[in-house]
Amino acid sequence: MESRSLSAKQSKGDLRQKSETKTPKISDGFRGFYFLKITANIFIRLFDLSFDFCNFAA
Protein backbone atom coordinates (compact mmCIF):
# COMPACT_ATOMS: atom_id res chain seq x y z
CA MET A 1 0.00 0.00 0.00
CA GLU A 2 2.72 2.48 0.97
CA SER A 3 4.76 1.84 -2.17
CA ARG A 4 1.67 2.51 -4.30
CA SER A 5 0.98 5.89 -2.69
CA LEU A 6 4.67 6.78 -3.03
CA SER A 7 4.71 5.97 -6.75
CA ALA A 8 1.51 8.00 -7.23
CA LYS A 9 3.08 10.98 -5.46
CA GLN A 10 6.23 10.62 -7.58
CA SER A 11 4.26 10.54 -10.83
CA LYS A 12 2.32 13.65 -9.75
CA GLY A 13 5.60 15.38 -8.95
CA ASP A 14 7.02 14.40 -12.34
CA LEU A 15 3.94 15.77 -14.11
CA ARG A 16 4.21 18.99 -12.16
CA GLN A 17 7.90 19.35 -13.06
CA LYS A 18 7.14 18.75 -16.74
CA SER A 19 4.40 21.39 -16.74
CA GLU A 20 6.76 23.83 -14.99
CA THR A 21 9.45 23.40 -17.64
CA LYS A 22 6.96 24.45 -20.33
CA THR A 23 6.17 28.10 -19.47
CA PRO A 24 2.93 27.54 -17.51
CA LYS A 25 1.65 31.13 -17.72
CA ILE A 26 1.39 31.08 -21.51
CA SER A 27 -0.31 27.66 -21.65
CA ASP A 28 -2.80 28.71 -18.95
CA GLY A 29 -3.56 31.88 -20.90
CA PHE A 30 -4.19 29.93 -24.10
CA ARG A 31 -6.36 27.43 -22.23
CA GLY A 32 -8.42 30.24 -20.66
CA PHE A 33 -8.79 31.98 -24.03
CA TYR A 34 -9.87 28.74 -25.73
CA PHE A 35 -12.36 28.04 -22.92
CA LEU A 36 -13.82 31.55 -23.24
CA LYS A 37 -14.06 31.12 -27.02
CA ILE A 38 -15.95 27.82 -26.66
CA THR A 39 -18.36 29.18 -24.03
CA ALA A 40 -18.96 32.30 -26.14
CA ASN A 41 -19.79 30.13 -29.18
CA ILE A 42 -22.19 28.03 -27.10
CA PHE A 43 -23.96 31.13 -25.72
CA ILE A 44 -24.20 32.68 -29.20
CA ARG A 45 -25.71 29.47 -30.60
CA LEU A 46 -28.20 29.24 -27.73
CA PHE A 47 -29.14 32.89 -28.23
CA ASP A 48 -29.61 32.36 -31.97
CA LEU A 49 -31.78 29.30 -31.31
CA SER A 50 -33.96 31.15 -28.77
CA PHE A 51 -34.23 34.13 -31.16
CA ASP A 52 -35.34 31.86 -34.02
CA PHE A 53 -37.83 30.14 -31.72
CA CYS A 54 -39.30 33.52 -30.67
CA ASN A 55 -39.67 34.52 -34.32
CA PHE A 56 -41.29 31.16 -35.09
CA ALA A 57 -43.69 31.49 -32.14
CA ALA A 58 -44.60 35.08 -33.10
PDB file of N, CA and C in Angstrom:
ATOM      1  N   MET A   1       0.833  -1.209   0.000  1.00  0.00           N
ATOM      2  CA  MET A   1       0.000   0.000   0.000  1.00  0.00           C
ATOM      3  C   MET A   1       0.869   1.261   0.000  1.00  0.00           C
ATOM      4  N   GLU A   2       1.878   1.288   0.876  1.00  0.00           N
ATOM      5  CA  GLU A   2       2.718   2.480   0.971  1.00  0.00           C
ATOM      6  C   GLU A   2       3.482   2.739  -0.329  1.00  0.00           C
ATOM      7  N   SER A   3       3.997   1.662  -0.937  1.00  0.00           N
ATOM      8  CA  SER A   3       4.760   1.838  -2.169  1.00  0.00           C
ATOM      9  C   SER A   3       3.859   2.406  -3.273  1.00  0.00           C
ATOM     10  N   ARG A   4       2.592   2.001  -3.283  1.00  0.00           N
ATOM     11  CA  ARG A   4       1.668   2.514  -4.300  1.00  0.00           C
ATOM     12  C   ARG A   4       1.479   4.017  -4.138  1.00  0.00           C
ATOM     13  N   SER A   5       1.201   4.464  -2.915  1.00  0.00           N
ATOM     14  CA  SER A   5       0.982   5.893  -2.687  1.00  0.00           C
ATOM     15  C   SER A   5       2.253   6.682  -3.017  1.00  0.00           C
ATOM     16  N   LEU A   6       3.415   6.108  -2.712  1.00  0.00           N
ATOM     17  CA  LEU A   6       4.672   6.784  -3.032  1.00  0.00           C
ATOM     18  C   LEU A   6       4.826   6.949  -4.539  1.00  0.00           C
ATOM     19  N   SER A   7       4.553   5.887  -5.289  1.00  0.00           N
ATOM     20  CA  SER A   7       4.709   5.968  -6.745  1.00  0.00           C
ATOM     21  C   SER A   7       3.709   6.976  -7.320  1.00  0.00           C
ATOM     22  N   ALA A   8       2.500   7.037  -6.754  1.00  0.00           N
ATOM     23  CA  ALA A   8       1.506   7.997  -7.231  1.00  0.00           C
ATOM     24  C   ALA A   8       1.989   9.419  -6.971  1.00  0.00           C
ATOM     25  N   LYS A   9       2.552   9.644  -5.780  1.00  0.00           N
ATOM     26  CA  LYS A   9       3.081  10.977  -5.463  1.00  0.00           C
ATOM     27  C   LYS A   9       4.227  11.322  -6.403  1.00  0.00           C
ATOM     28  N   GLN A  10       5.102  10.357  -6.684  1.00  0.00           N
ATOM     29  CA  GLN A  10       6.234  10.620  -7.576  1.00  0.00           C
ATOM     30  C   GLN A  10       5.748  10.981  -8.976  1.00  0.00           C
ATOM     31  N   SER A  11       4.751  10.253  -9.482  1.00  0.00           N
ATOM     32  CA  SER A  11       4.258  10.538 -10.826  1.00  0.00           C
ATOM     33  C   SER A  11       3.625  11.930 -10.866  1.00  0.00           C
ATOM     34  N   LYS A  12       2.902  12.302  -9.805  1.00  0.00           N
ATOM     35  CA  LYS A  12       2.324  13.647  -9.752  1.00  0.00           C
ATOM     36  C   LYS A  12       3.426  14.692  -9.767  1.00  0.00           C
ATOM     37  N   GLY A  13       4.476  14.453  -8.988  1.00  0.00           N
ATOM     38  CA  GLY A  13       5.599  15.381  -8.953  1.00  0.00           C
ATOM     39  C   GLY A  13       6.251  15.500 -10.318  1.00  0.00           C
ATOM     40  N   ASP A  14       6.414  14.376 -11.012  1.00  0.00           N
ATOM     41  CA  ASP A  14       7.022  14.400 -12.340  1.00  0.00           C
ATOM     42  C   ASP A  14       6.163  15.219 -13.298  1.00  0.00           C
ATOM     43  N   LEU A  15       4.848  15.019 -13.238  1.00  0.00           N
ATOM     44  CA  LEU A  15       3.944  15.768 -14.114  1.00  0.00           C
ATOM     45  C   LEU A  15       4.049  17.255 -13.827  1.00  0.00           C
ATOM     46  N   ARG A  16       4.118  17.594 -12.541  1.00  0.00           N
ATOM     47  CA  ARG A  16       4.214  18.993 -12.162  1.00  0.00           C
ATOM     48  C   ARG A  16       5.510  19.604 -12.691  1.00  0.00           C
ATOM     49  N   GLN A  17       6.614  18.844 -12.567  1.00  0.00           N
ATOM     50  CA  GLN A  17       7.898  19.348 -13.055  1.00  0.00           C
ATOM     51  C   GLN A  17       7.848  19.549 -14.574  1.00  0.00           C
ATOM     52  N   LYS A  18       7.232  18.622 -15.286  1.00  0.00           N
ATOM     53  CA  LYS A  18       7.140  18.746 -16.741  1.00  0.00           C
ATOM     54  C   LYS A  18       6.350  19.991 -17.114  1.00  0.00           C
ATOM     55  N   SER A  19       5.226  20.224 -16.429  1.00  0.00           N
ATOM     56  CA  SER A  19       4.402  21.388 -16.739  1.00  0.00           C
ATOM     57  C   SER A  19       5.143  22.676 -16.393  1.00  0.00           C
ATOM     58  N   GLU A  20       6.002  22.636 -15.367  1.00  0.00           N
ATOM     59  CA  GLU A  20       6.759  23.825 -14.986  1.00  0.00           C
ATOM     60  C   GLU A  20       7.839  24.157 -16.014  1.00  0.00           C
ATOM     61  N   THR A  21       8.408  23.135 -16.651  1.00  0.00           N
ATOM     62  CA  THR A  21       9.450  23.402 -17.640  1.00  0.00           C
ATOM     63  C   THR A  21       8.859  24.116 -18.854  1.00  0.00           C
ATOM     64  N   LYS A  22       7.633  23.722 -19.257  1.00  0.00           N
ATOM     65  CA  LYS A  22       6.956  24.454 -20.328  1.00  0.00           C
ATOM     66  C   LYS A  22       6.285  25.668 -19.691  1.00  0.00           C
ATOM     67  N   THR A  23       6.667  26.870 -20.085  1.00  0.00           N
ATOM     68  CA  THR A  23       6.169  28.103 -19.470  1.00  0.00           C
ATOM     69  C   THR A  23       4.676  27.977 -19.148  1.00  0.00           C
ATOM     70  N   PRO A  24       4.321  27.812 -17.873  1.00  0.00           N
ATOM     71  CA  PRO A  24       2.934  27.541 -17.505  1.00  0.00           C
ATOM     72  C   PRO A  24       2.000  28.727 -17.726  1.00  0.00           C
ATOM     73  N   LYS A  25       2.518  29.952 -17.575  1.00  0.00           N
ATOM     74  CA  LYS A  25       1.652  31.132 -17.718  1.00  0.00           C
ATOM     75  C   LYS A  25       1.045  31.202 -19.117  1.00  0.00           C
ATOM     76  N   ILE A  26       1.865  30.984 -20.132  1.00  0.00           N
ATOM     77  CA  ILE A  26       1.387  31.078 -21.515  1.00  0.00           C
ATOM     78  C   ILE A  26       0.337  29.995 -21.788  1.00  0.00           C
ATOM     79  N   SER A  27       0.628  28.747 -21.388  1.00  0.00           N
ATOM     80  CA  SER A  27      -0.309  27.659 -21.647  1.00  0.00           C
ATOM     81  C   SER A  27      -1.632  27.906 -20.929  1.00  0.00           C
ATOM     82  N   ASP A  28      -1.576  28.417 -19.682  1.00  0.00           N
ATOM     83  CA  ASP A  28      -2.800  28.713 -18.951  1.00  0.00           C
ATOM     84  C   ASP A  28      -3.593  29.797 -19.670  1.00  0.00           C
ATOM     85  N   GLY A  29      -2.899  30.800 -20.179  1.00  0.00           N
ATOM     86  CA  GLY A  29      -3.564  31.880 -20.899  1.00  0.00           C
ATOM     87  C   GLY A  29      -4.270  31.352 -22.138  1.00  0.00           C
ATOM     88  N   PHE A  30      -3.583  30.503 -22.905  1.00  0.00           N
ATOM     89  CA  PHE A  30      -4.194  29.926 -24.100  1.00  0.00           C
ATOM     90  C   PHE A  30      -5.394  29.078 -23.734  1.00  0.00           C
ATOM     91  N   ARG A  31      -5.265  28.293 -22.647  1.00  0.00           N
ATOM     92  CA  ARG A  31      -6.355  27.426 -22.227  1.00  0.00           C
ATOM     93  C   ARG A  31      -7.572  28.267 -21.840  1.00  0.00           C
ATOM     94  N   GLY A  32      -7.329  29.349 -21.078  1.00  0.00           N
ATOM     95  CA  GLY A  32      -8.416  30.236 -20.663  1.00  0.00           C
ATOM     96  C   GLY A  32      -9.079  30.880 -21.867  1.00  0.00           C
ATOM     97  N   PHE A  33      -8.262  31.336 -22.819  1.00  0.00           N
ATOM     98  CA  PHE A  33      -8.791  31.980 -24.026  1.00  0.00           C
ATOM     99  C   PHE A  33      -9.645  31.001 -24.826  1.00  0.00           C
ATOM    100  N   TYR A  34      -9.140  29.765 -24.985  1.00  0.00           N
ATOM    101  CA  TYR A  34      -9.871  28.741 -25.727  1.00  0.00           C
ATOM    102  C   TYR A  34     -11.195  28.428 -25.040  1.00  0.00           C
ATOM    103  N   PHE A  35     -11.151  28.327 -23.693  1.00  0.00           N
ATOM    104  CA  PHE A  35     -12.358  28.035 -22.918  1.00  0.00           C
ATOM    105  C   PHE A  35     -13.381  29.155 -23.101  1.00  0.00           C
ATOM    106  N   LEU A  36     -12.918  30.408 -23.050  1.00  0.00           N
ATOM    107  CA  LEU A  36     -13.817  31.553 -23.245  1.00  0.00           C
ATOM    108  C   LEU A  36     -14.428  31.512 -24.636  1.00  0.00           C
ATOM    109  N   LYS A  37     -13.594  31.182 -25.631  1.00  0.00           N
ATOM    110  CA  LYS A  37     -14.057  31.117 -27.016  1.00  0.00           C
ATOM    111  C   LYS A  37     -15.176  30.085 -27.163  1.00  0.00           C
ATOM    112  N   ILE A  38     -14.960  28.895 -26.567  1.00  0.00           N
ATOM    113  CA  ILE A  38     -15.954  27.819 -26.660  1.00  0.00           C
ATOM    114  C   ILE A  38     -17.254  28.233 -25.977  1.00  0.00           C
ATOM    115  N   THR A  39     -17.143  28.781 -24.763  1.00  0.00           N
ATOM    116  CA  THR A  39     -18.357  29.182 -24.034  1.00  0.00           C
ATOM    117  C   THR A  39     -19.087  30.282 -24.790  1.00  0.00           C
ATOM    118  N   ALA A  40     -18.347  31.219 -25.373  1.00  0.00           N
ATOM    119  CA  ALA A  40     -18.964  32.298 -26.142  1.00  0.00           C
ATOM    120  C   ALA A  40     -19.736  31.713 -27.328  1.00  0.00           C
ATOM    121  N   ASN A  41     -19.121  30.768 -28.040  1.00  0.00           N
ATOM    122  CA  ASN A  41     -19.790  30.129 -29.176  1.00  0.00           C
ATOM    123  C   ASN A  41     -21.068  29.435 -28.733  1.00  0.00           C
ATOM    124  N   ILE A  42     -21.010  28.736 -27.588  1.00  0.00           N
ATOM    125  CA  ILE A  42     -22.191  28.030 -27.095  1.00  0.00           C
ATOM    126  C   ILE A  42     -23.302  29.028 -26.776  1.00  0.00           C
ATOM    127  N   PHE A  43     -22.953  30.128 -26.081  1.00  0.00           N
ATOM    128  CA  PHE A  43     -23.959  31.125 -25.719  1.00  0.00           C
ATOM    129  C   PHE A  43     -24.553  31.768 -26.963  1.00  0.00           C
ATOM    130  N   ILE A  44     -23.721  32.057 -27.954  1.00  0.00           N
ATOM    131  CA  ILE A  44     -24.203  32.676 -29.196  1.00  0.00           C
ATOM    132  C   ILE A  44     -25.177  31.734 -29.898  1.00  0.00           C
ATOM    133  N   ARG A  45     -24.830  30.443 -29.957  1.00  0.00           N
ATOM    134  CA  ARG A  45     -25.712  29.466 -30.604  1.00  0.00           C
ATOM    135  C   ARG A  45     -27.031  29.361 -29.868  1.00  0.00           C
ATOM    136  N   LEU A  46     -26.976  29.313 -28.529  1.00  0.00           N
ATOM    137  CA  LEU A  46     -28.204  29.239 -27.730  1.00  0.00           C
ATOM    138  C   LEU A  46     -29.056  30.475 -27.967  1.00  0.00           C
ATOM    139  N   PHE A  47     -28.423  31.631 -28.003  1.00  0.00           N
ATOM    140  CA  PHE A  47     -29.142  32.888 -28.226  1.00  0.00           C
ATOM    141  C   PHE A  47     -29.805  32.877 -29.603  1.00  0.00           C
ATOM    142  N   ASP A  48     -29.057  32.438 -30.614  1.00  0.00           N
ATOM    143  CA  ASP A  48     -29.613  32.360 -31.970  1.00  0.00           C
ATOM    144  C   ASP A  48     -30.810  31.420 -32.002  1.00  0.00           C
ATOM    145  N   LEU A  49     -30.678  30.262 -31.334  1.00  0.00           N
ATOM    146  CA  LEU A  49     -31.781  29.302 -31.310  1.00  0.00           C
ATOM    147  C   LEU A  49     -33.011  29.905 -30.647  1.00  0.00           C
ATOM    148  N   SER A  50     -32.831  30.563 -29.491  1.00  0.00           N
ATOM    149  CA  SER A  50     -33.957  31.149 -28.773  1.00  0.00           C
ATOM    150  C   SER A  50     -34.588  32.265 -29.617  1.00  0.00           C
ATOM    151  N   PHE A  51     -33.743  33.040 -30.316  1.00  0.00           N
ATOM    152  CA  PHE A  51     -34.232  34.128 -31.162  1.00  0.00           C
ATOM    153  C   PHE A  51     -35.079  33.567 -32.306  1.00  0.00           C
ATOM    154  N   ASP A  52     -34.591  32.506 -32.949  1.00  0.00           N
ATOM    155  CA  ASP A  52     -35.340  31.857 -34.022  1.00  0.00           C
ATOM    156  C   ASP A  52     -36.661  31.311 -33.492  1.00  0.00           C
ATOM    157  N   PHE A  53     -36.626  30.722 -32.314  1.00  0.00           N
ATOM    158  CA  PHE A  53     -37.827  30.145 -31.721  1.00  0.00           C
ATOM    159  C   PHE A  53     -38.856  31.242 -31.438  1.00  0.00           C
ATOM    160  N   CYS A  54     -38.391  32.396 -30.949  1.00  0.00           N
ATOM    161  CA  CYS A  54     -39.304  33.516 -30.672  1.00  0.00           C
ATOM    162  C   CYS A  54     -39.939  33.997 -31.974  1.00  0.00           C
ATOM    163  N   ASN A  55     -39.143  34.105 -33.022  1.00  0.00           N
ATOM    164  CA  ASN A  55     -39.669  34.522 -34.317  1.00  0.00           C
ATOM    165  C   ASN A  55     -40.692  33.508 -34.828  1.00  0.00           C
ATOM    166  N   PHE A  56     -40.388  32.229 -34.642  1.00  0.00           N
ATOM    167  CA  PHE A  56     -41.292  31.162 -35.094  1.00  0.00           C
ATOM    168  C   PHE A  56     -42.605  31.215 -34.309  1.00  0.00           C
ATOM    169  N   ALA A  57     -42.496  31.443 -32.995  1.00  0.00           N
ATOM    170  CA  ALA A  57     -43.685  31.492 -32.137  1.00  0.00           C
ATOM    171  C   ALA A  57     -44.529  32.716 -32.488  1.00  0.00           C
ATOM    172  N   ALA A  58     -43.879  33.844 -32.790  1.00  0.00           N
ATOM    173  CA  ALA A  58     -44.598  35.078 -33.104  1.00  0.00           C
ATOM    174  C   ALA A  58     -45.012  35.062 -34.578  1.00  0.00           C
TER     175      ALA A  58
END
